[in-house]
Amino acid sequence: MNHNVFTSTPTNPVDVGNRSISELTDAMLTTGFQGRKLAESVQAWHNMLKEDNLTILMGLSGAMVPAGMRKIISYMIRNRMIDCLVSTGANIFHDCHEAFGMNHYVGSHLANDEKLYKHGVDRIYDVFAVEKEFRGVDHFIADFAKKLEDRAYSSREFMHVLGKEIAKHGGEDDSIIVTAYKHGVPIFTPALCDSSIGIGLAIARRNGCTANIDQIQDVDEITQIVERSQKTGVVYVGGGVPKNFIQQTEVVASIMGSDVNGHDYAIQYTTDVPHWGGLSGCTFDEGVSWGKIAPRAKKVQVFVDATIALPIVSHALHEKTRESDRQYPVFDWDTDNCLNIVRSNA
């Protein structure tokens, strides 16, 4: 049989048998379509974890916490599968809500929303939550903010002190914000005002709070992470503000005079598509044109619901990294919010 460069690797149908999740994703590497892309994302992420002097940044958008993904993210923080988290404020707010022992509830997308409103129940597709409980967390954040110093905080610094406060009040260890506080993983929320945390801060301001969140300081701080890292890898759950906030660090660093060439690894799980021109669905190849992604970067985009991808990917990585001695970055911020990075081992 004659073969050429295009037909050197045959597909290999997946058989059914007793195997681990990581063995399944390995088998999917020789299938097709998004199944193969999901397997390639596991492979790329695993390779990132084996790299020396590489910092992994995750962008987290969508309603991942209400959908039940928070313990996966906290596991990744605790086990240093990610080194920096950029999230919507909403995901962190919902995490705070559950950290205090409250719940989101299995609901239905077919529910009568007028009746839900009358019963004080909010709906996130097929997940329910109690509005009164949310407002209680709003006021907790407002009361906490009123104790802060009269100065500007980056969202990274604010998330750190808020995580410390929630831990002090008995917030559970599976919380994203508490885990990040305890393990020194920075959380940035560059659109903080577009969330219930922003509502809590607005309540505090109405009541005389003069502390302020400096989102421009966020740009500087996360750019310092990229400038002081020899290599960077990015993982995006969805797109939106978290994706672009991380993407643009390479551009900002370049403008500031740093010798950067784009992120070295790039993974995304998204349901958006490129042909509408939006950032959430744009390809990593497009990012190369901006200098955001290195031309030779390992790039894997998986067009899949992240609530399907994250449980599979996290379990596969858990199996592959049980004996991990990954060298991860330790961030040391001085009083002027300037960053020093040293490396430690998991």
C-alpha atoms as a PDB file:
ATOM      1  CA  MET A   1       0.000   0.000   0.000  1.00  0.00           C
ATOM      2  CA  ASN A   2       1.348   3.444  -0.944  1.00  0.00           C
ATOM      3  CA  HIS A   3       1.407   6.084   1.791  1.00  0.00           C
ATOM      4  CA  ASN A   4       2.328   9.765   1.757  1.00  0.00           C
ATOM      5  CA  VAL A   5       2.794  12.442   4.374  1.00  0.00           C
ATOM      6  CA  PHE A   6      -0.970  12.937   4.612  1.00  0.00           C
ATOM      7  CA  THR A   7      -1.808   9.313   5.320  1.00  0.00           C
ATOM      8  CA  SER A   8       0.895   8.244   7.737  1.00  0.00           C
ATOM      9  CA  THR A   9      -1.300   7.862  10.849  1.00  0.00           C
ATOM     10  CA  PRO A  10      -4.544   5.887  10.623  1.00  0.00           C
ATOM     11  CA  THR A  11      -7.448   6.649  12.921  1.00  0.00           C
ATOM     12  CA  ASN A  12      -7.985   4.035  15.580  1.00  0.00           C
ATOM     13  CA  PRO A  13     -11.578   3.354  16.671  1.00  0.00           C
ATOM     14  CA  VAL A  14     -12.108   3.430  20.426  1.00  0.00           C
ATOM     15  CA  ASP A  15     -13.075   0.046  21.787  1.00  0.00           C
ATOM     16  CA  VAL A  16     -15.160  -0.412  24.931  1.00  0.00           C
ATOM     17  CA  GLY A  17     -13.483  -1.939  27.944  1.00  0.00           C
ATOM     18  CA  ASN A  18     -12.171  -1.380  31.450  1.00  0.00           C
ATOM     19  CA  ARG A  19      -9.921   1.666  31.403  1.00  0.00           C
ATOM     20  CA  SER A  20      -9.211   4.834  33.355  1.00  0.00           C
ATOM     21  CA  ILE A  21     -10.317   8.259  32.153  1.00  0.00           C
ATOM     22  CA  SER A  22      -6.758   9.186  31.155  1.00  0.00           C
ATOM     23  CA  GLU A  23      -6.476   5.939  29.193  1.00  0.00           C
ATOM     24  CA  LEU A  24      -9.700   6.886  27.416  1.00  0.00           C
ATOM     25  CA  THR A  25      -8.451  10.364  26.515  1.00  0.00           C
ATOM     26  CA  ASP A  26      -5.188   8.824  25.290  1.00  0.00           C
ATOM     27  CA  ALA A  27      -7.207   6.506  23.051  1.00  0.00           C
ATOM     28  CA  MET A  28      -9.178   9.494  21.737  1.00  0.00           C
ATOM     29  CA  LEU A  29      -5.953  11.032  20.355  1.00  0.00           C
ATOM     30  CA  THR A  30      -6.382   8.915  17.212  1.00  0.00           C
ATOM     31  CA  THR A  31     -10.091   9.585  16.718  1.00  0.00           C
ATOM     32  CA  GLY A  32     -11.543  12.704  15.091  1.00  0.00           C
ATOM     33  CA  PHE A  33     -13.385  15.976  15.581  1.00  0.00           C
ATOM     34  CA  GLN A  34     -13.840  17.470  19.055  1.00  0.00           C
ATOM     35  CA  GLY A  35     -13.176  14.144  20.762  1.00  0.00           C
ATOM     36  CA  ARG A  36      -9.610  14.287  19.478  1.00  0.00           C
ATOM     37  CA  LYS A  37      -9.337  17.975  20.387  1.00  0.00           C
ATOM     38  CA  LEU A  38     -10.428  17.213  23.950  1.00  0.00           C
ATOM     39  CA  ALA A  39      -7.728  14.518  24.154  1.00  0.00           C
ATOM     40  CA  GLU A  40      -5.145  16.903  22.674  1.00  0.00           C
ATOM     41  CA  SER A  41      -6.021  19.478  25.338  1.00  0.00           C
ATOM     42  CA  VAL A  42      -5.244  16.916  28.066  1.00  0.00           C
ATOM     43  CA  GLN A  43      -1.952  16.122  26.359  1.00  0.00           C
ATOM     44  CA  ALA A  44      -1.020  19.806  26.015  1.00  0.00           C
ATOM     45  CA  TRP A  45      -1.948  20.618  29.626  1.00  0.00           C
ATOM     46  CA  HIS A  46       0.010  17.610  30.881  1.00  0.00           C
ATOM     47  CA  ASN A  47       3.024  18.781  28.867  1.00  0.00           C
ATOM     48  CA  MET A  48       2.692  22.238  30.432  1.00  0.00           C
ATOM     49  CA  LEU A  49       2.874  20.684  33.885  1.00  0.00           C
ATOM     50  CA  LYS A  50       6.151  19.014  32.955  1.00  0.00           C
ATOM     51  CA  GLU A  51       7.769  22.249  31.703  1.00  0.00           C
ATOM     52  CA  ASP A  52      10.321  24.062  33.854  1.00  0.00           C
ATOM     53  CA  ASN A  53       9.951  27.817  34.360  1.00  0.00           C
ATOM     54  CA  LEU A  54       6.451  27.981  32.921  1.00  0.00           C
ATOM     55  CA  THR A  55       3.542  29.886  34.478  1.00  0.00           C
ATOM     56  CA  ILE A  56      -0.026  28.737  33.742  1.00  0.00           C
ATOM     57  CA  LEU A  57      -2.802  31.328  33.658  1.00  0.00           C
ATOM     58  CA  MET A  58      -6.480  30.322  33.549  1.00  0.00           C
ATOM     59  CA  GLY A  59      -9.380  32.479  32.354  1.00  0.00           C
ATOM     60  CA  LEU A  60     -12.732  31.471  33.868  1.00  0.00           C
ATOM     61  CA  SER A  61     -15.939  32.877  32.415  1.00  0.00           C
ATOM     62  CA  GLY A  62     -19.539  31.718  32.255  1.00  0.00           C
ATOM     63  CA  ALA A  63     -21.553  30.450  35.221  1.00  0.00           C
ATOM     64  CA  MET A  64     -19.132  27.645  36.057  1.00  0.00           C
ATOM     65  CA  VAL A  65     -19.597  27.760  39.837  1.00  0.00           C
ATOM     66  CA  PRO A  66     -23.410  27.534  39.781  1.00  0.00           C
ATOM     67  CA  ALA A  67     -23.006  24.662  37.302  1.00  0.00           C
ATOM     68  CA  GLY A  68     -20.964  22.671  39.823  1.00  0.00           C
ATOM     69  CA  MET A  69     -17.393  23.218  38.625  1.00  0.00           C
ATOM     70  CA  ARG A  70     -15.948  25.022  41.673  1.00  0.00           C
ATOM     71  CA  LYS A  71     -14.296  21.991  43.306  1.00  0.00           C
ATOM     72  CA  ILE A  72     -12.515  21.246  40.028  1.00  0.00           C
ATOM     73  CA  ILE A  73     -11.068  24.769  39.926  1.00  0.00           C
ATOM     74  CA  SER A  74     -10.073  24.666  43.608  1.00  0.00           C
ATOM     75  CA  TYR A  75      -8.424  21.257  43.015  1.00  0.00           C
ATOM     76  CA  MET A  76      -6.427  22.737  40.139  1.00  0.00           C
ATOM     77  CA  ILE A  77      -5.327  25.631  42.352  1.00  0.00           C
ATOM     78  CA  ARG A  78      -4.413  23.383  45.284  1.00  0.00           C
ATOM     79  CA  ASN A  79      -2.401  21.032  43.057  1.00  0.00           C
ATOM     80  CA  ARG A  80      -0.847  23.862  41.026  1.00  0.00           C
ATOM     81  CA  MET A  81      -2.293  22.853  37.705  1.00  0.00           C
ATOM     82  CA  ILE A  82      -2.809  26.599  37.349  1.00  0.00           C
ATOM     83  CA  ASP A  83      -0.733  29.426  38.840  1.00  0.00           C
ATOM     84  CA  CYS A  84      -2.979  32.444  38.276  1.00  0.00           C
ATOM     85  CA  LEU A  85      -6.750  32.722  37.858  1.00  0.00           C
ATOM     86  CA  VAL A  86      -8.570  35.461  35.963  1.00  0.00           C
ATOM     87  CA  SER A  87     -12.284  35.161  36.582  1.00  0.00           C
ATOM     88  CA  THR A  88     -15.534  36.959  36.163  1.00  0.00           C
ATOM     89  CA  GLY A  89     -16.646  38.525  39.423  1.00  0.00           C
ATOM     90  CA  ALA A  90     -19.795  36.419  39.213  1.00  0.00           C
ATOM     91  CA  ASN A  91     -17.957  33.102  39.503  1.00  0.00           C
ATOM     92  CA  ILE A  92     -16.117  34.313  42.604  1.00  0.00           C
ATOM     93  CA  PHE A  93     -19.331  35.695  44.119  1.00  0.00           C
ATOM     94  CA  HIS A  94     -21.088  32.357  43.649  1.00  0.00           C
ATOM     95  CA  ASP A  95     -18.048  30.656  45.164  1.00  0.00           C
ATOM     96  CA  CYS A  96     -18.263  32.929  48.232  1.00  0.00           C
ATOM     97  CA  HIS A  97     -21.955  32.039  48.501  1.00  0.00           C
ATOM     98  CA  GLU A  98     -21.176  28.311  48.623  1.00  0.00           C
ATOM     99  CA  ALA A  99     -18.153  28.864  50.891  1.00  0.00           C
ATOM    100  CA  PHE A 100     -20.624  29.933  53.592  1.00  0.00           C
ATOM    101  CA  GLY A 101     -22.514  26.634  53.264  1.00  0.00           C
ATOM    102  CA  MET A 102     -25.300  27.856  50.989  1.00  0.00           C
ATOM    103  CA  ASN A 103     -26.278  26.072  47.810  1.00  0.00           C
ATOM    104  CA  HIS A 104     -27.291  26.279  44.215  1.00  0.00           C
ATOM    105  CA  TYR A 105     -30.106  23.875  43.374  1.00  0.00           C
ATOM    106  CA  VAL A 106     -31.000  21.450  40.609  1.00  0.00           C
ATOM    107  CA  GLY A 107     -33.808  23.167  38.716  1.00  0.00           C
ATOM    108  CA  SER A 108     -35.314  23.134  35.241  1.00  0.00           C
ATOM    109  CA  HIS A 109     -35.003  25.399  32.213  1.00  0.00           C
ATOM    110  CA  LEU A 110     -38.755  24.814  31.732  1.00  0.00           C
ATOM    111  CA  ALA A 111     -39.722  26.450  35.031  1.00  0.00           C
ATOM    112  CA  ASN A 112     -42.189  29.331  35.121  1.00  0.00           C
ATOM    113  CA  ASP A 113     -39.949  32.343  35.732  1.00  0.00           C
ATOM    114  CA  GLU A 114     -42.781  34.546  36.949  1.00  0.00           C
ATOM    115  CA  LYS A 115     -43.523  31.996  39.681  1.00  0.00           C
ATOM    116  CA  LEU A 116     -39.826  31.716  40.501  1.00  0.00           C
ATOM    117  CA  TYR A 117     -39.665  35.487  40.957  1.00  0.00           C
ATOM    118  CA  LYS A 118     -42.635  35.439  43.324  1.00  0.00           C
ATOM    119  CA  HIS A 119     -40.866  32.778  45.409  1.00  0.00           C
ATOM    120  CA  GLY A 120     -37.563  34.679  45.460  1.00  0.00           C
ATOM    121  CA  VAL A 121     -35.762  32.115  43.304  1.00  0.00           C
ATOM    122  CA  ASP A 122     -33.241  33.078  40.612  1.00  0.00           C
ATOM    123  CA  ARG A 123     -32.669  30.842  37.570  1.00  0.00           C
ATOM    124  CA  ILE A 124     -29.416  30.179  35.724  1.00  0.00           C
ATOM    125  CA  TYR A 125     -30.672  27.954  32.893  1.00  0.00           C
ATOM    126  CA  ASP A 126     -31.486  24.763  34.858  1.00  0.00           C
ATOM    127  CA  VAL A 127     -29.929  25.826  38.182  1.00  0.00           C
ATOM    128  CA  PHE A 128     -31.844  27.669  40.923  1.00  0.00           C
ATOM    129  CA  ALA A 129     -30.636  29.918  43.747  1.00  0.00           C
ATOM    130  CA  VAL A 130     -32.267  31.907  46.553  1.00  0.00           C
ATOM    131  CA  GLU A 131     -32.139  35.671  45.998  1.00  0.00           C
ATOM    132  CA  LYS A 132     -32.326  36.446  49.722  1.00  0.00           C
ATOM    133  CA  GLU A 133     -29.163  34.406  50.298  1.00  0.00           C
ATOM    134  CA  PHE A 134     -27.375  36.275  47.504  1.00  0.00           C
ATOM    135  CA  ARG A 135     -28.289  39.587  49.097  1.00  0.00           C
ATOM    136  CA  GLY A 136     -26.906  38.376  52.393  1.00  0.00           C
ATOM    137  CA  VAL A 137     -23.548  37.784  50.703  1.00  0.00           C
ATOM    138  CA  ASP A 138     -23.778  41.231  49.081  1.00  0.00           C
ATOM    139  CA  HIS A 139     -24.040  42.763  52.551  1.00  0.00           C
ATOM    140  CA  PHE A 140     -21.223  40.596  53.923  1.00  0.00           C
ATOM    141  CA  ILE A 141     -18.951  41.956  51.182  1.00  0.00           C
ATOM    142  CA  ALA A 142     -20.158  45.510  51.878  1.00  0.00           C
ATOM    143  CA  ASP A 143     -19.479  45.177  55.610  1.00  0.00           C
ATOM    144  CA  PHE A 144     -16.057  43.693  54.898  1.00  0.00           C
ATOM    145  CA  ALA A 145     -15.175  46.478  52.446  1.00  0.00           C
ATOM    146  CA  LYS A 146     -15.990  49.139  55.041  1.00  0.00           C
ATOM    147  CA  LYS A 147     -13.129  47.763  57.193  1.00  0.00           C
ATOM    148  CA  LEU A 148     -10.540  48.192  54.448  1.00  0.00           C
ATOM    149  CA  GLU A 149      -7.928  50.925  54.424  1.00  0.00           C
ATOM    150  CA  ASP A 150      -8.671  54.186  52.649  1.00  0.00           C
ATOM    151  CA  ARG A 151      -6.646  53.424  49.522  1.00  0.00           C
ATOM    152  CA  ALA A 152      -6.680  51.685  46.174  1.00  0.00           C
ATOM    153  CA  TYR A 153      -6.512  47.891  45.914  1.00  0.00           C
ATOM    154  CA  SER A 154      -5.927  45.843  42.793  1.00  0.00           C
ATOM    155  CA  SER A 155      -8.568  43.157  42.375  1.00  0.00           C
ATOM    156  CA  ARG A 156      -5.777  40.638  43.041  1.00  0.00           C
ATOM    157  CA  GLU A 157      -5.043  42.202  46.414  1.00  0.00           C
ATOM    158  CA  PHE A 158      -8.749  42.565  47.219  1.00  0.00           C
ATOM    159  CA  MET A 159      -9.422  38.900  46.409  1.00  0.00           C
ATOM    160  CA  HIS A 160      -6.521  37.894  48.643  1.00  0.00           C
ATOM    161  CA  VAL A 161      -7.832  39.792  51.684  1.00  0.00           C
ATOM    162  CA  LEU A 162     -11.416  38.703  50.979  1.00  0.00           C
ATOM    163  CA  GLY A 163     -10.275  35.064  50.807  1.00  0.00           C
ATOM    164  CA  LYS A 164      -8.484  35.523  54.118  1.00  0.00           C
ATOM    165  CA  GLU A 165     -11.659  36.976  55.674  1.00  0.00           C
ATOM    166  CA  ILE A 166     -13.876  34.160  54.392  1.00  0.00           C
ATOM    167  CA  ALA A 167     -11.372  31.570  55.656  1.00  0.00           C
ATOM    168  CA  LYS A 168     -11.469  33.291  59.061  1.00  0.00           C
ATOM    169  CA  HIS A 169     -15.273  33.016  59.074  1.00  0.00           C
ATOM    170  CA  GLY A 170     -15.109  29.274  58.462  1.00  0.00           C
ATOM    171  CA  GLY A 171     -15.309  29.274  54.674  1.00  0.00           C
ATOM    172  CA  GLU A 172     -14.789  25.750  53.401  1.00  0.00           C
ATOM    173  CA  ASP A 173     -11.479  24.604  51.934  1.00  0.00           C
ATOM    174  CA  ASP A 174     -13.111  23.595  48.633  1.00  0.00           C
ATOM    175  CA  SER A 175     -13.789  27.258  47.971  1.00  0.00           C
ATOM    176  CA  ILE A 176     -11.897  28.758  45.037  1.00  0.00           C
ATOM    177  CA  ILE A 177     -11.158  32.022  46.840  1.00  0.00           C
ATOM    178  CA  VAL A 178     -10.140  30.321  50.116  1.00  0.00           C
ATOM    179  CA  THR A 179      -7.941  27.772  48.330  1.00  0.00           C
ATOM    180  CA  ALA A 180      -6.280  30.530  46.310  1.00  0.00           C
ATOM    181  CA  TYR A 181      -5.627  32.532  49.487  1.00  0.00           C
ATOM    182  CA  LYS A 182      -4.114  29.542  51.291  1.00  0.00           C
ATOM    183  CA  HIS A 183      -1.915  28.494  48.357  1.00  0.00           C
ATOM    184  CA  GLY A 184      -0.772  31.902  47.188  1.00  0.00           C
ATOM    185  CA  VAL A 185      -2.462  31.761  43.783  1.00  0.00           C
ATOM    186  CA  PRO A 186      -3.543  35.232  42.630  1.00  0.00           C
ATOM    187  CA  ILE A 187      -7.102  35.833  41.436  1.00  0.00           C
ATOM    188  CA  PHE A 188      -7.787  38.781  39.140  1.00  0.00           C
ATOM    189  CA  THR A 189     -11.342  39.957  38.443  1.00  0.00           C
ATOM    190  CA  PRO A 190     -10.901  42.681  35.809  1.00  0.00           C
ATOM    191  CA  ALA A 191     -14.655  43.280  35.399  1.00  0.00           C
ATOM    192  CA  LEU A 192     -15.392  43.214  39.116  1.00  0.00           C
ATOM    193  CA  CYS A 193     -18.158  45.829  38.931  1.00  0.00           C
ATOM    194  CA  ASP A 194     -20.113  43.536  36.595  1.00  0.00           C
ATOM    195  CA  SER A 195     -21.017  41.161  39.422  1.00  0.00           C
ATOM    196  CA  SER A 196     -22.631  40.954  42.832  1.00  0.00           C
ATOM    197  CA  ILE A 197     -19.231  41.659  44.367  1.00  0.00           C
ATOM    198  CA  GLY A 198     -19.470  44.997  42.588  1.00  0.00           C
ATOM    199  CA  ILE A 199     -22.943  45.426  44.065  1.00  0.00           C
ATOM    200  CA  GLY A 200     -21.542  44.794  47.544  1.00  0.00           C
ATOM    201  CA  LEU A 201     -18.811  47.371  46.973  1.00  0.00           C
ATOM    202  CA  ALA A 202     -21.392  49.881  45.734  1.00  0.00           C
ATOM    203  CA  ILE A 203     -23.416  49.340  48.944  1.00  0.00           C
ATOM    204  CA  ALA A 204     -20.236  49.985  50.928  1.00  0.00           C
ATOM    205  CA  ARG A 205     -19.541  53.194  49.001  1.00  0.00           C
ATOM    206  CA  ARG A 206     -23.052  54.497  49.679  1.00  0.00           C
ATOM    207  CA  ASN A 207     -22.254  53.949  53.365  1.00  0.00           C
ATOM    208  CA  GLY A 208     -18.982  55.849  53.408  1.00  0.00           C
ATOM    209  CA  CYS A 209     -16.427  53.253  52.291  1.00  0.00           C
ATOM    210  CA  THR A 210     -13.491  54.981  50.595  1.00  0.00           C
ATOM    211  CA  ALA A 211     -11.483  51.928  49.576  1.00  0.00           C
ATOM    212  CA  ASN A 212     -11.349  51.545  45.814  1.00  0.00           C
ATOM    213  CA  ILE A 213     -10.531  48.787  43.286  1.00  0.00           C
ATOM    214  CA  ASP A 214      -7.919  49.966  40.800  1.00  0.00           C
ATOM    215  CA  GLN A 215      -8.463  47.948  37.636  1.00  0.00           C
ATOM    216  CA  ILE A 216      -5.539  49.647  35.879  1.00  0.00           C
ATOM    217  CA  GLN A 217      -3.287  48.268  38.622  1.00  0.00           C
ATOM    218  CA  ASP A 218      -4.663  44.853  37.594  1.00  0.00           C
ATOM    219  CA  VAL A 219      -3.254  45.379  34.094  1.00  0.00           C
ATOM    220  CA  ASP A 220       0.156  46.228  35.528  1.00  0.00           C
ATOM    221  CA  GLU A 221       0.232  43.358  38.031  1.00  0.00           C
ATOM    222  CA  ILE A 222      -0.754  40.572  35.658  1.00  0.00           C
ATOM    223  CA  THR A 223       1.637  41.927  33.058  1.00  0.00           C
ATOM    224  CA  GLN A 224       4.415  41.678  35.665  1.00  0.00           C
ATOM    225  CA  ILE A 225       3.589  37.973  36.010  1.00  0.00           C
ATOM    226  CA  VAL A 226       4.133  37.492  32.277  1.00  0.00           C
ATOM    227  CA  GLU A 227       7.248  39.700  32.161  1.00  0.00           C
ATOM    228  CA  ARG A 228       8.891  37.766  34.995  1.00  0.00           C
ATOM    229  CA  SER A 229       8.014  34.308  33.636  1.00  0.00           C
ATOM    230  CA  GLN A 230      10.311  32.617  31.150  1.00  0.00           C
ATOM    231  CA  LYS A 231       7.345  30.874  29.529  1.00  0.00           C
ATOM    232  CA  THR A 232       3.568  31.113  29.872  1.00  0.00           C
ATOM    233  CA  GLY A 233       0.675  28.811  29.109  1.00  0.00           C
ATOM    234  CA  VAL A 234      -2.980  29.845  29.031  1.00  0.00           C
ATOM    235  CA  VAL A 235      -6.168  27.861  29.577  1.00  0.00           C
ATOM    236  CA  TYR A 236      -9.520  29.495  28.839  1.00  0.00           C
ATOM    237  CA  VAL A 237     -12.848  28.222  30.084  1.00  0.00           C
ATOM    238  CA  GLY A 238     -15.139  30.164  27.787  1.00  0.00           C
ATOM    239  CA  GLY A 239     -13.930  33.545  26.588  1.00  0.00           C
ATOM    240  CA  GLY A 240     -15.051  37.072  27.374  1.00  0.00           C
ATOM    241  CA  VAL A 241     -13.112  39.485  29.566  1.00  0.00           C
ATOM    242  CA  PRO A 242     -10.949  36.821  31.290  1.00  0.00           C
ATOM    243  CA  LYS A 243      -9.647  35.574  27.922  1.00  0.00           C
ATOM    244  CA  ASN A 244      -8.720  38.967  26.528  1.00  0.00           C
ATOM    245  CA  PHE A 245      -7.328  40.223  29.850  1.00  0.00           C
ATOM    246  CA  ILE A 246      -4.802  37.374  29.763  1.00  0.00           C
ATOM    247  CA  GLN A 247      -4.249  37.590  26.000  1.00  0.00           C
ATOM    248  CA  GLN A 248      -3.370  41.279  26.123  1.00  0.00           C
ATOM    249  CA  THR A 249      -0.590  40.796  28.694  1.00  0.00           C
ATOM    250  CA  GLU A 250       1.774  39.922  25.848  1.00  0.00           C
ATOM    251  CA  VAL A 251       0.875  43.135  24.020  1.00  0.00           C
ATOM    252  CA  VAL A 252       1.200  45.277  27.164  1.00  0.00           C
ATOM    253  CA  ALA A 253       4.546  43.676  28.046  1.00  0.00           C
ATOM    254  CA  SER A 254       5.810  44.343  24.520  1.00  0.00           C
ATOM    255  CA  ILE A 255       4.733  47.992  24.669  1.00  0.00           C
ATOM    256  CA  MET A 256       6.482  48.322  28.035  1.00  0.00           C
ATOM    257  CA  GLY A 257       9.722  47.149  26.426  1.00  0.00           C
ATOM    258  CA  SER A 258       9.850  43.484  27.469  1.00  0.00           C
ATOM    259  CA  ASP A 259      11.196  40.891  25.055  1.00  0.00           C
ATOM    260  CA  VAL A 260       8.105  38.682  24.759  1.00  0.00           C
ATOM    261  CA  ASN A 261       6.894  36.567  21.866  1.00  0.00           C
ATOM    262  CA  GLY A 262       3.400  35.411  22.851  1.00  0.00           C
ATOM    263  CA  HIS A 263       2.073  32.684  25.140  1.00  0.00           C
ATOM    264  CA  ASP A 264       3.786  29.323  24.584  1.00  0.00           C
ATOM    265  CA  TYR A 265       0.741  27.083  25.151  1.00  0.00           C
ATOM    266  CA  ALA A 266      -2.917  27.924  24.579  1.00  0.00           C
ATOM    267  CA  ILE A 267      -5.986  25.804  25.383  1.00  0.00           C
ATOM    268  CA  GLN A 268      -9.632  26.857  25.213  1.00  0.00           C
ATOM    269  CA  TYR A 269     -12.956  25.172  25.897  1.00  0.00           C
ATOM    270  CA  THR A 270     -15.704  27.185  24.245  1.00  0.00           C
ATOM    271  CA  THR A 271     -19.080  26.968  22.546  1.00  0.00           C
ATOM    272  CA  ASP A 272     -18.459  30.180  20.578  1.00  0.00           C
ATOM    273  CA  VAL A 273     -17.293  30.190  16.964  1.00  0.00           C
ATOM    274  CA  PRO A 274     -14.871  32.425  15.059  1.00  0.00           C
ATOM    275  CA  HIS A 275     -17.011  33.603  12.168  1.00  0.00           C
ATOM    276  CA  TRP A 276     -19.002  36.184  14.175  1.00  0.00           C
ATOM    277  CA  GLY A 277     -15.773  38.075  14.856  1.00  0.00           C
ATOM    278  CA  GLY A 278     -16.019  37.903  18.639  1.00  0.00           C
ATOM    279  CA  LEU A 279     -13.106  37.413  21.017  1.00  0.00           C
ATOM    280  CA  SER A 280     -14.696  34.426  22.770  1.00  0.00           C
ATOM    281  CA  GLY A 281     -14.668  32.334  19.603  1.00  0.00           C
ATOM    282  CA  CYS A 282     -11.643  33.738  17.812  1.00  0.00           C
ATOM    283  CA  THR A 283      -8.912  31.249  16.981  1.00  0.00           C
ATOM    284  CA  PHE A 284      -5.476  31.214  18.533  1.00  0.00           C
ATOM    285  CA  ASP A 285      -4.092  31.632  15.008  1.00  0.00           C
ATOM    286  CA  GLU A 286      -5.810  35.032  14.977  1.00  0.00           C
ATOM    287  CA  GLY A 287      -4.104  35.745  18.302  1.00  0.00           C
ATOM    288  CA  VAL A 288      -0.733  35.133  16.619  1.00  0.00           C
ATOM    289  CA  SER A 289      -1.380  38.166  14.401  1.00  0.00           C
ATOM    290  CA  TRP A 290      -1.612  40.356  17.515  1.00  0.00           C
ATOM    291  CA  GLY A 291       1.495  38.923  19.151  1.00  0.00           C
ATOM    292  CA  LYS A 292      -0.650  37.380  21.887  1.00  0.00           C
ATOM    293  CA  ILE A 293       0.154  33.756  21.011  1.00  0.00           C
ATOM    294  CA  ALA A 294       3.598  32.529  19.982  1.00  0.00           C
ATOM    295  CA  PRO A 295       3.674  31.353  16.342  1.00  0.00           C
ATOM    296  CA  ARG A 296       5.055  27.957  17.391  1.00  0.00           C
ATOM    297  CA  ALA A 297       2.819  27.609  20.456  1.00  0.00           C
ATOM    298  CA  LYS A 298       0.930  24.399  21.086  1.00  0.00           C
ATOM    299  CA  LYS A 299      -2.622  25.576  20.384  1.00  0.00           C
ATOM    300  CA  VAL A 300      -5.741  23.514  21.134  1.00  0.00           C
ATOM    301  CA  GLN A 301      -9.289  24.845  20.932  1.00  0.00           C
ATOM    302  CA  VAL A 302     -12.088  22.487  21.885  1.00  0.00           C
ATOM    303  CA  PHE A 303     -15.595  23.479  20.841  1.00  0.00           C
ATOM    304  CA  VAL A 304     -17.471  21.926  23.731  1.00  0.00           C
ATOM    305  CA  ASP A 305     -19.580  22.814  26.754  1.00  0.00           C
ATOM    306  CA  ALA A 306     -17.039  23.379  29.535  1.00  0.00           C
ATOM    307  CA  THR A 307     -19.269  21.526  32.018  1.00  0.00           C
ATOM    308  CA  ILE A 308     -18.591  18.412  29.917  1.00  0.00           C
ATOM    309  CA  ALA A 309     -14.896  19.100  29.330  1.00  0.00           C
ATOM    310  CA  LEU A 310     -13.738  20.122  32.813  1.00  0.00           C
ATOM    311  CA  PRO A 311     -14.752  16.931  34.679  1.00  0.00           C
ATOM    312  CA  ILE A 312     -13.115  14.731  32.034  1.00  0.00           C
ATOM    313  CA  VAL A 313      -9.950  16.799  31.662  1.00  0.00           C
ATOM    314  CA  SER A 314      -9.432  17.280  35.403  1.00  0.00           C
ATOM    315  CA  HIS A 315      -9.798  13.561  36.125  1.00  0.00           C
ATOM    316  CA  ALA A 316      -7.417  12.647  33.305  1.00  0.00           C
ATOM    317  CA  LEU A 317      -4.830  15.116  34.611  1.00  0.00           C
ATOM    318  CA  HIS A 318      -5.344  13.850  38.163  1.00  0.00           C
ATOM    319  CA  GLU A 319      -4.446  10.338  36.993  1.00  0.00           C
ATOM    320  CA  LYS A 320      -1.457  11.510  34.967  1.00  0.00           C
ATOM    321  CA  THR A 321       0.086  13.701  37.684  1.00  0.00           C
ATOM    322  CA  ARG A 322      -0.259  11.664  40.880  1.00  0.00           C
ATOM    323  CA  GLU A 323       3.527  11.619  41.326  1.00  0.00           C
ATOM    324  CA  SER A 324       4.018  15.205  40.149  1.00  0.00           C
ATOM    325  CA  ASP A 325       7.003  17.213  41.374  1.00  0.00           C
ATOM    326  CA  ARG A 326       6.166  20.221  39.259  1.00  0.00           C
ATOM    327  CA  GLN A 327       8.248  23.337  39.782  1.00  0.00           C
ATOM    328  CA  TYR A 328       5.703  26.151  40.184  1.00  0.00           C
ATOM    329  CA  PRO A 329       6.024  29.924  40.636  1.00  0.00           C
ATOM    330  CA  VAL A 330       5.677  31.544  44.064  1.00  0.00           C
ATOM    331  CA  PHE A 331       4.566  35.166  43.831  1.00  0.00           C
ATOM    332  CA  ASP A 332       5.938  37.721  46.277  1.00  0.00           C
ATOM    333  CA  TRP A 333       4.253  41.138  46.080  1.00  0.00           C
ATOM    334  CA  ASP A 334       5.974  43.994  47.908  1.00  0.00           C
ATOM    335  CA  THR A 335       4.280  47.015  49.477  1.00  0.00           C
ATOM    336  CA  ASP A 336       4.325  48.831  46.109  1.00  0.00           C
ATOM    337  CA  ASN A 337       2.654  45.856  44.378  1.00  0.00           C
ATOM    338  CA  CYS A 338       5.840  44.987  42.527  1.00  0.00           C
ATOM    339  CA  LEU A 339       6.363  41.291  41.893  1.00  0.00           C
ATOM    340  CA  ASN A 340       9.200  38.886  42.534  1.00  0.00           C
ATOM    341  CA  ILE A 341       8.873  35.243  41.439  1.00  0.00           C
ATOM    342  CA  VAL A 342      10.744  32.298  42.890  1.00  0.00           C
ATOM    343  CA  ARG A 343      10.193  28.646  42.019  1.00  0.00           C
ATOM    344  CA  SER A 344       9.110  25.875  44.334  1.00  0.00           C
ATOM    345  CA  ASN A 345       8.149  22.220  43.961  1.00  0.00           C
ATOM    346  CA  ALA A 346       4.696  20.717  44.445  1.00  0.00           C
END
